[in-house]
N, C-alpha and C. Protein backbone atom coordinates (compact mmCIF):
# COMPACT_ATOMS: atom_id res chain seq x y z
N UNK A 1 19.12 -3.22 22.64
CA UNK A 1 19.41 -3.29 21.22
C UNK A 1 20.90 -3.54 21.05
N UNK A 2 21.25 -4.59 20.34
CA UNK A 2 22.66 -4.89 20.09
C UNK A 2 23.22 -4.01 18.97
N UNK A 3 24.43 -3.54 19.15
CA UNK A 3 25.10 -2.75 18.13
C UNK A 3 25.35 -3.64 16.91
N UNK A 4 25.01 -3.20 15.72
CA UNK A 4 25.23 -4.02 14.53
C UNK A 4 26.71 -4.15 14.16
N UNK A 5 27.56 -3.36 14.79
CA UNK A 5 28.98 -3.37 14.46
C UNK A 5 29.80 -4.21 15.44
N UNK A 6 29.64 -3.95 16.75
CA UNK A 6 30.46 -4.68 17.73
C UNK A 6 29.65 -5.68 18.55
N UNK A 7 28.33 -5.70 18.38
CA UNK A 7 27.41 -6.64 19.02
C UNK A 7 27.23 -6.42 20.53
N UNK A 8 27.74 -5.32 21.06
CA UNK A 8 27.55 -5.01 22.48
C UNK A 8 26.11 -4.54 22.68
N UNK A 9 25.54 -4.95 23.80
CA UNK A 9 24.15 -4.61 24.10
C UNK A 9 24.10 -3.41 25.04
N UNK A 10 24.64 -2.28 24.57
CA UNK A 10 24.67 -1.07 25.39
C UNK A 10 24.77 0.13 24.45
N UNK A 11 23.66 0.86 24.33
CA UNK A 11 23.66 2.04 23.47
C UNK A 11 22.84 3.14 24.11
N UNK A 12 22.92 4.32 23.53
CA UNK A 12 22.09 5.42 24.01
C UNK A 12 21.39 6.04 22.81
N UNK A 13 20.18 6.52 23.05
CA UNK A 13 19.39 7.15 21.99
C UNK A 13 19.82 8.61 21.88
N UNK A 14 20.20 9.01 20.68
CA UNK A 14 20.64 10.38 20.42
C UNK A 14 19.48 11.25 19.96
N UNK A 15 18.61 10.66 19.13
CA UNK A 15 17.51 11.43 18.54
C UNK A 15 16.35 10.49 18.22
N UNK A 16 15.13 10.95 18.44
CA UNK A 16 13.92 10.19 18.08
C UNK A 16 13.02 11.10 17.27
N UNK A 17 12.47 10.54 16.19
CA UNK A 17 11.56 11.30 15.33
C UNK A 17 10.46 10.38 14.84
N UNK A 18 9.30 10.98 14.57
CA UNK A 18 8.20 10.23 13.97
C UNK A 18 8.54 9.96 12.51
N UNK A 19 8.14 8.81 12.02
CA UNK A 19 8.34 8.45 10.63
C UNK A 19 7.08 7.83 10.07
N UNK A 20 7.03 7.58 8.77
CA UNK A 20 5.88 6.92 8.13
C UNK A 20 4.56 7.54 8.53
N UNK A 21 4.45 8.83 8.42
CA UNK A 21 3.20 9.53 8.76
C UNK A 21 2.74 9.23 10.18
N UNK A 22 3.68 9.14 11.11
CA UNK A 22 3.33 8.92 12.50
C UNK A 22 3.12 7.47 12.87
N UNK A 23 3.35 6.55 11.95
CA UNK A 23 3.13 5.13 12.23
C UNK A 23 4.37 4.42 12.73
N UNK A 24 5.48 5.13 12.85
CA UNK A 24 6.69 4.52 13.38
C UNK A 24 7.54 5.61 14.05
N UNK A 25 8.53 5.16 14.79
CA UNK A 25 9.48 6.07 15.41
C UNK A 25 10.87 5.69 14.92
N UNK A 26 11.60 6.68 14.44
CA UNK A 26 12.98 6.49 13.99
C UNK A 26 13.88 6.93 15.13
N UNK A 27 14.76 6.04 15.55
CA UNK A 27 15.68 6.38 16.64
C UNK A 27 17.12 6.30 16.14
N UNK A 28 17.85 7.36 16.39
CA UNK A 28 19.28 7.41 16.08
C UNK A 28 19.98 7.02 17.37
N UNK A 29 20.85 6.00 17.30
CA UNK A 29 21.51 5.48 18.50
C UNK A 29 23.03 5.54 18.35
N UNK A 30 23.69 5.57 19.51
CA UNK A 30 25.15 5.51 19.52
C UNK A 30 25.56 4.40 20.48
N UNK A 31 26.42 3.51 20.00
CA UNK A 31 26.92 2.41 20.81
C UNK A 31 27.90 2.96 21.85
N UNK A 32 27.70 2.57 23.10
CA UNK A 32 28.59 3.02 24.18
C UNK A 32 29.96 2.36 24.03
N UNK A 33 30.00 1.15 23.47
CA UNK A 33 31.26 0.42 23.33
C UNK A 33 32.15 0.96 22.22
N UNK A 34 31.66 0.95 20.97
CA UNK A 34 32.51 1.33 19.83
C UNK A 34 32.26 2.76 19.34
N UNK A 35 31.26 3.44 19.90
CA UNK A 35 30.93 4.83 19.59
C UNK A 35 30.36 5.03 18.18
N UNK A 36 30.06 3.95 17.47
CA UNK A 36 29.45 4.08 16.13
C UNK A 36 27.96 4.31 16.27
N UNK A 37 27.39 4.95 15.25
CA UNK A 37 25.97 5.29 15.28
C UNK A 37 25.18 4.41 14.30
N UNK A 38 23.95 4.15 14.68
CA UNK A 38 23.05 3.37 13.81
C UNK A 38 21.62 3.80 14.05
N UNK A 39 20.74 3.43 13.15
CA UNK A 39 19.34 3.83 13.21
C UNK A 39 18.45 2.61 13.39
N UNK A 40 17.45 2.75 14.24
CA UNK A 40 16.44 1.69 14.40
C UNK A 40 15.06 2.31 14.19
N UNK A 41 14.12 1.44 13.85
CA UNK A 41 12.73 1.87 13.67
C UNK A 41 11.85 1.05 14.58
N UNK A 42 10.89 1.71 15.16
CA UNK A 42 9.96 1.07 16.07
C UNK A 42 8.56 1.30 15.52
N UNK A 43 7.78 0.22 15.34
CA UNK A 43 6.40 0.38 14.88
C UNK A 43 5.50 -0.60 15.59
N UNK A 44 4.24 -0.29 15.62
CA UNK A 44 3.26 -1.14 16.28
C UNK A 44 3.16 -2.45 15.49
N UNK A 45 3.20 -3.54 16.22
CA UNK A 45 3.06 -4.83 15.59
C UNK A 45 1.58 -5.15 15.50
N UNK A 46 1.11 -5.25 14.28
CA UNK A 46 -0.30 -5.52 14.06
C UNK A 46 -0.52 -7.00 13.87
N UNK A 47 -1.75 -7.41 14.19
CA UNK A 47 -2.12 -8.79 13.90
C UNK A 47 -2.12 -8.93 12.38
N UNK A 48 -1.60 -10.02 11.90
CA UNK A 48 -1.55 -10.22 10.46
C UNK A 48 -2.96 -10.32 9.90
N UNK A 49 -3.15 -9.67 8.76
CA UNK A 49 -4.42 -9.68 8.07
C UNK A 49 -4.33 -10.70 6.94
N UNK A 50 -5.31 -11.58 6.85
CA UNK A 50 -5.32 -12.58 5.79
C UNK A 50 -6.29 -12.14 4.69
N UNK A 51 -5.88 -12.35 3.45
CA UNK A 51 -6.73 -12.08 2.30
C UNK A 51 -7.35 -13.40 1.88
N UNK A 52 -8.69 -13.45 1.86
CA UNK A 52 -9.40 -14.66 1.47
C UNK A 52 -9.66 -14.58 -0.03
N UNK A 53 -9.03 -15.48 -0.77
CA UNK A 53 -9.12 -15.49 -2.23
C UNK A 53 -10.45 -16.07 -2.70
N UNK A 54 -10.71 -15.97 -4.01
CA UNK A 54 -11.97 -16.46 -4.59
C UNK A 54 -12.23 -17.92 -4.24
N UNK A 55 -11.22 -18.73 -4.29
CA UNK A 55 -11.36 -20.16 -4.04
C UNK A 55 -11.48 -20.52 -2.57
N UNK A 56 -11.39 -19.53 -1.68
CA UNK A 56 -11.53 -19.80 -0.26
C UNK A 56 -10.22 -19.91 0.49
N UNK A 57 -9.11 -20.06 -0.24
CA UNK A 57 -7.82 -20.15 0.46
C UNK A 57 -7.38 -18.76 0.91
N UNK A 58 -6.56 -18.73 1.96
CA UNK A 58 -6.10 -17.47 2.53
C UNK A 58 -4.62 -17.29 2.29
N UNK A 59 -4.23 -16.04 2.11
CA UNK A 59 -2.81 -15.71 2.04
C UNK A 59 -2.59 -14.42 2.81
N UNK A 60 -1.41 -14.22 3.36
CA UNK A 60 -1.16 -13.03 4.16
C UNK A 60 -1.29 -11.75 3.32
N UNK A 61 -1.81 -10.70 3.93
CA UNK A 61 -1.88 -9.40 3.26
C UNK A 61 -0.45 -8.98 2.95
N UNK A 62 -0.20 -8.63 1.70
CA UNK A 62 1.15 -8.28 1.26
C UNK A 62 1.15 -6.88 0.68
N UNK A 63 1.58 -5.94 1.48
CA UNK A 63 1.62 -4.53 1.08
C UNK A 63 2.44 -4.33 -0.19
N UNK A 64 3.57 -5.02 -0.28
CA UNK A 64 4.45 -4.88 -1.44
C UNK A 64 3.80 -5.40 -2.72
N UNK A 65 3.02 -6.47 -2.60
CA UNK A 65 2.32 -7.02 -3.76
C UNK A 65 1.33 -6.00 -4.31
N UNK A 66 0.61 -5.33 -3.42
CA UNK A 66 -0.35 -4.31 -3.84
C UNK A 66 0.39 -3.14 -4.48
N UNK A 67 1.49 -2.75 -3.88
CA UNK A 67 2.27 -1.64 -4.42
C UNK A 67 2.80 -1.96 -5.82
N UNK A 68 3.25 -3.21 -6.02
CA UNK A 68 3.73 -3.62 -7.35
C UNK A 68 2.60 -3.58 -8.37
N UNK A 69 1.41 -4.04 -7.97
CA UNK A 69 0.26 -4.02 -8.87
C UNK A 69 -0.12 -2.60 -9.26
N UNK A 70 -0.10 -1.71 -8.29
CA UNK A 70 -0.41 -0.31 -8.59
C UNK A 70 0.66 0.32 -9.49
N UNK A 71 1.90 -0.01 -9.22
CA UNK A 71 3.00 0.53 -10.04
C UNK A 71 2.86 0.09 -11.49
N UNK A 72 2.45 -1.15 -11.72
CA UNK A 72 2.24 -1.63 -13.09
C UNK A 72 1.09 -0.88 -13.76
N UNK A 73 0.00 -0.67 -13.01
CA UNK A 73 -1.15 0.04 -13.57
C UNK A 73 -0.79 1.51 -13.86
N UNK A 74 0.10 2.08 -13.07
CA UNK A 74 0.46 3.50 -13.20
C UNK A 74 1.69 3.72 -14.08
N UNK A 75 2.20 2.67 -14.69
CA UNK A 75 3.41 2.76 -15.49
C UNK A 75 3.24 3.80 -16.60
N UNK A 76 4.21 4.69 -16.72
CA UNK A 76 4.24 5.76 -17.72
C UNK A 76 3.06 6.72 -17.60
N UNK A 77 2.53 6.85 -16.41
CA UNK A 77 1.47 7.81 -16.13
C UNK A 77 2.07 8.89 -15.23
N UNK A 78 1.47 10.07 -15.19
CA UNK A 78 2.03 11.15 -14.36
C UNK A 78 1.68 10.98 -12.88
N UNK A 79 2.10 9.86 -12.33
CA UNK A 79 1.82 9.52 -10.94
C UNK A 79 3.14 9.27 -10.25
N UNK A 80 3.34 9.93 -9.12
CA UNK A 80 4.62 9.80 -8.42
C UNK A 80 4.63 8.55 -7.53
N UNK A 81 5.81 8.15 -7.17
CA UNK A 81 6.00 7.04 -6.23
C UNK A 81 5.32 7.38 -4.90
N UNK A 82 5.38 8.65 -4.53
CA UNK A 82 4.76 9.09 -3.28
C UNK A 82 3.23 8.93 -3.34
N UNK A 83 2.61 9.22 -4.47
CA UNK A 83 1.17 9.05 -4.62
C UNK A 83 0.78 7.57 -4.51
N UNK A 84 1.59 6.71 -5.10
CA UNK A 84 1.34 5.27 -4.99
C UNK A 84 1.47 4.84 -3.53
N UNK A 85 2.51 5.30 -2.87
CA UNK A 85 2.74 4.96 -1.47
C UNK A 85 1.59 5.44 -0.58
N UNK A 86 1.11 6.65 -0.83
CA UNK A 86 -0.01 7.18 -0.05
C UNK A 86 -1.29 6.38 -0.29
N UNK A 87 -1.49 5.93 -1.53
CA UNK A 87 -2.65 5.11 -1.86
C UNK A 87 -2.60 3.78 -1.12
N UNK A 88 -1.43 3.16 -1.13
CA UNK A 88 -1.27 1.88 -0.43
C UNK A 88 -1.44 2.08 1.08
N UNK A 89 -0.86 3.14 1.63
CA UNK A 89 -0.98 3.41 3.06
C UNK A 89 -2.43 3.66 3.46
N UNK A 90 -3.14 4.40 2.61
CA UNK A 90 -4.55 4.68 2.87
C UNK A 90 -5.36 3.39 2.88
N UNK A 91 -5.12 2.55 1.89
CA UNK A 91 -5.82 1.26 1.80
C UNK A 91 -5.50 0.39 3.01
N UNK A 92 -4.24 0.31 3.36
CA UNK A 92 -3.81 -0.53 4.48
C UNK A 92 -4.45 -0.06 5.78
N UNK A 93 -4.44 1.24 6.02
CA UNK A 93 -5.05 1.79 7.25
C UNK A 93 -6.55 1.49 7.28
N UNK A 94 -7.20 1.63 6.14
CA UNK A 94 -8.63 1.34 6.05
C UNK A 94 -8.92 -0.13 6.34
N UNK A 95 -8.12 -1.02 5.78
CA UNK A 95 -8.33 -2.45 6.00
C UNK A 95 -8.12 -2.84 7.45
N UNK A 96 -7.03 -2.35 8.05
CA UNK A 96 -6.76 -2.68 9.44
C UNK A 96 -7.78 -2.04 10.37
N UNK A 97 -8.39 -0.92 9.93
CA UNK A 97 -9.40 -0.28 10.72
C UNK A 97 -10.76 -0.97 10.65
N UNK A 98 -11.03 -1.65 9.54
CA UNK A 98 -12.35 -2.26 9.31
C UNK A 98 -12.40 -3.77 9.44
N UNK A 99 -11.25 -4.43 9.40
CA UNK A 99 -11.22 -5.90 9.45
C UNK A 99 -10.24 -6.35 10.53
N UNK A 100 -10.65 -7.34 11.30
CA UNK A 100 -9.79 -7.81 12.39
C UNK A 100 -8.72 -8.78 11.92
N UNK A 101 -9.12 -9.79 11.16
CA UNK A 101 -8.12 -10.79 10.78
C UNK A 101 -8.22 -11.24 9.32
N UNK A 102 -9.39 -11.09 8.69
CA UNK A 102 -9.56 -11.55 7.31
C UNK A 102 -10.31 -10.52 6.50
N UNK A 103 -9.89 -10.36 5.25
CA UNK A 103 -10.57 -9.48 4.31
C UNK A 103 -10.74 -10.24 2.99
N UNK A 104 -11.94 -10.21 2.42
CA UNK A 104 -12.14 -10.88 1.12
C UNK A 104 -11.35 -10.16 0.02
N UNK A 105 -10.75 -10.91 -0.88
CA UNK A 105 -9.97 -10.30 -1.96
C UNK A 105 -10.85 -9.39 -2.82
N UNK A 106 -12.13 -9.72 -2.91
CA UNK A 106 -13.07 -8.90 -3.68
C UNK A 106 -13.14 -7.48 -3.11
N UNK A 107 -13.20 -7.36 -1.78
CA UNK A 107 -13.24 -6.05 -1.12
C UNK A 107 -11.96 -5.28 -1.41
N UNK A 108 -10.85 -5.96 -1.31
CA UNK A 108 -9.54 -5.37 -1.57
C UNK A 108 -9.46 -4.85 -3.01
N UNK A 109 -9.83 -5.66 -3.97
CA UNK A 109 -9.77 -5.28 -5.38
C UNK A 109 -10.70 -4.13 -5.71
N UNK A 110 -11.93 -4.19 -5.20
CA UNK A 110 -12.90 -3.12 -5.48
C UNK A 110 -12.45 -1.80 -4.87
N UNK A 111 -11.90 -1.86 -3.66
CA UNK A 111 -11.44 -0.62 -3.02
C UNK A 111 -10.25 -0.03 -3.75
N UNK A 112 -9.35 -0.88 -4.23
CA UNK A 112 -8.22 -0.41 -5.02
C UNK A 112 -8.71 0.27 -6.30
N UNK A 113 -9.72 -0.31 -6.93
CA UNK A 113 -10.25 0.30 -8.16
C UNK A 113 -10.86 1.67 -7.86
N UNK A 114 -11.55 1.80 -6.73
CA UNK A 114 -12.12 3.10 -6.36
C UNK A 114 -11.02 4.14 -6.16
N UNK A 115 -9.96 3.75 -5.47
CA UNK A 115 -8.85 4.67 -5.22
C UNK A 115 -8.15 5.05 -6.53
N UNK A 116 -7.96 4.07 -7.41
CA UNK A 116 -7.31 4.34 -8.70
C UNK A 116 -8.17 5.20 -9.61
N UNK A 117 -9.47 5.01 -9.55
CA UNK A 117 -10.37 5.79 -10.40
C UNK A 117 -10.22 7.28 -10.10
N UNK A 118 -10.01 7.62 -8.83
CA UNK A 118 -9.79 9.01 -8.43
C UNK A 118 -8.38 9.47 -8.80
N UNK A 119 -7.41 8.60 -8.64
CA UNK A 119 -6.01 8.94 -8.89
C UNK A 119 -5.72 9.15 -10.37
N UNK A 120 -6.13 8.19 -11.22
CA UNK A 120 -5.82 8.28 -12.65
C UNK A 120 -6.72 7.30 -13.41
N UNK A 121 -7.51 7.80 -14.34
CA UNK A 121 -8.48 6.96 -15.02
C UNK A 121 -7.83 5.90 -15.93
N UNK A 122 -6.70 6.23 -16.53
CA UNK A 122 -6.01 5.25 -17.37
C UNK A 122 -5.46 4.11 -16.51
N UNK A 123 -4.86 4.47 -15.38
CA UNK A 123 -4.36 3.44 -14.46
C UNK A 123 -5.52 2.60 -13.94
N UNK A 124 -6.65 3.24 -13.69
CA UNK A 124 -7.85 2.52 -13.25
C UNK A 124 -8.25 1.46 -14.28
N UNK A 125 -8.32 1.83 -15.55
CA UNK A 125 -8.74 0.89 -16.59
C UNK A 125 -7.71 -0.23 -16.74
N UNK A 126 -6.44 0.10 -16.65
CA UNK A 126 -5.40 -0.94 -16.71
C UNK A 126 -5.59 -1.96 -15.59
N UNK A 127 -5.76 -1.44 -14.37
CA UNK A 127 -5.94 -2.31 -13.22
C UNK A 127 -7.21 -3.14 -13.37
N UNK A 128 -8.29 -2.49 -13.77
CA UNK A 128 -9.57 -3.18 -13.93
C UNK A 128 -9.48 -4.29 -14.97
N UNK A 129 -8.71 -4.06 -16.03
CA UNK A 129 -8.61 -5.08 -17.08
C UNK A 129 -7.98 -6.36 -16.57
N UNK A 130 -7.06 -6.24 -15.64
CA UNK A 130 -6.44 -7.42 -15.05
C UNK A 130 -7.32 -7.99 -13.94
N UNK A 131 -7.80 -7.12 -13.06
CA UNK A 131 -8.60 -7.55 -11.92
C UNK A 131 -9.89 -8.23 -12.36
N UNK A 132 -10.56 -7.64 -13.34
CA UNK A 132 -11.84 -8.19 -13.80
C UNK A 132 -11.68 -9.16 -14.95
N UNK A 133 -10.43 -9.41 -15.33
CA UNK A 133 -10.11 -10.40 -16.37
C UNK A 133 -10.87 -10.13 -17.67
N UNK A 134 -10.67 -8.91 -18.22
CA UNK A 134 -11.33 -8.55 -19.47
C UNK A 134 -10.98 -9.57 -20.56
N UNK A 135 -11.99 -9.96 -21.31
CA UNK A 135 -11.79 -10.95 -22.39
C UNK A 135 -11.68 -10.29 -23.75
N UNK A 136 -12.37 -9.16 -23.94
CA UNK A 136 -12.34 -8.49 -25.24
C UNK A 136 -12.60 -7.00 -25.06
N UNK A 137 -12.65 -6.28 -26.18
CA UNK A 137 -12.82 -4.84 -26.18
C UNK A 137 -14.15 -4.44 -25.54
N UNK A 138 -15.16 -5.26 -25.69
CA UNK A 138 -16.48 -4.97 -25.12
C UNK A 138 -16.39 -4.79 -23.59
N UNK A 139 -15.53 -5.59 -22.96
CA UNK A 139 -15.34 -5.46 -21.51
C UNK A 139 -14.77 -4.09 -21.15
N UNK A 140 -13.83 -3.59 -21.98
CA UNK A 140 -13.28 -2.26 -21.75
C UNK A 140 -14.37 -1.20 -21.88
N UNK A 141 -15.16 -1.31 -22.94
CA UNK A 141 -16.23 -0.34 -23.19
C UNK A 141 -17.22 -0.34 -22.02
N UNK A 142 -17.60 -1.53 -21.56
CA UNK A 142 -18.53 -1.62 -20.43
C UNK A 142 -17.99 -0.94 -19.18
N UNK A 143 -16.69 -1.07 -18.95
CA UNK A 143 -16.07 -0.46 -17.76
C UNK A 143 -15.97 1.06 -17.93
N UNK A 144 -15.78 1.51 -19.17
CA UNK A 144 -15.63 2.94 -19.42
C UNK A 144 -16.95 3.71 -19.46
N UNK A 145 -18.06 3.04 -19.71
CA UNK A 145 -19.35 3.73 -19.82
C UNK A 145 -19.65 4.63 -18.62
N UNK A 146 -19.55 4.14 -17.39
CA UNK A 146 -19.85 5.03 -16.25
C UNK A 146 -18.90 6.23 -16.16
N UNK A 147 -17.64 6.03 -16.51
CA UNK A 147 -16.67 7.13 -16.46
C UNK A 147 -17.02 8.17 -17.51
N UNK A 148 -17.35 7.72 -18.71
CA UNK A 148 -17.71 8.65 -19.78
C UNK A 148 -19.00 9.39 -19.45
N UNK A 149 -19.98 8.70 -18.90
CA UNK A 149 -21.24 9.34 -18.51
C UNK A 149 -21.00 10.41 -17.44
N UNK A 150 -20.15 10.09 -16.47
CA UNK A 150 -19.83 11.05 -15.41
C UNK A 150 -19.11 12.26 -15.99
N UNK A 151 -18.18 12.02 -16.91
CA UNK A 151 -17.43 13.08 -17.55
C UNK A 151 -18.35 13.99 -18.35
N UNK A 152 -19.33 13.41 -19.05
CA UNK A 152 -20.30 14.20 -19.83
C UNK A 152 -21.17 15.05 -18.92
N UNK A 153 -21.57 14.52 -17.76
CA UNK A 153 -22.38 15.28 -16.81
C UNK A 153 -21.60 16.49 -16.26
N UNK A 154 -20.31 16.26 -15.99
CA UNK A 154 -19.47 17.33 -15.43
C UNK A 154 -19.20 18.43 -16.44
N UNK A 155 -19.05 18.07 -17.72
CA UNK A 155 -18.72 19.07 -18.74
C UNK A 155 -19.97 19.70 -19.36
N UNK A 156 -21.12 19.08 -19.16
CA UNK A 156 -22.32 19.56 -19.84
C UNK A 156 -23.26 20.17 -18.92
């Protein structure tokens, strides 16, 4: 590992710790040449997962894109950044565990809706309105019927 300060390729590891829920290792290093310290991260390199869109074209799985979509759905809701991060991490682990190289966008969207439905019902409806391309109020009502029925069963 080259020192980011003096570019010498000689350092020693001072400390190593697990990071990202055990999915990476954080290493604190000290350059033998200039004695400055820096941090590196080591993680398993996974085969890229492609998302197959409705039209058949593929695009790389983009964790940040999913996180941005969830953040928009959760805007002004009592949901922490950590909860969003855990939701994305859970989805990502599930996808890499169940799919080798390609996942249909439909599977991705449906699974996100399931996770959001548990996390926050308002965020779920917001996400569903974009994902399912609601055209009018009737579409909202149709999506809410199962939630309302479930809520009535639980309270009654």
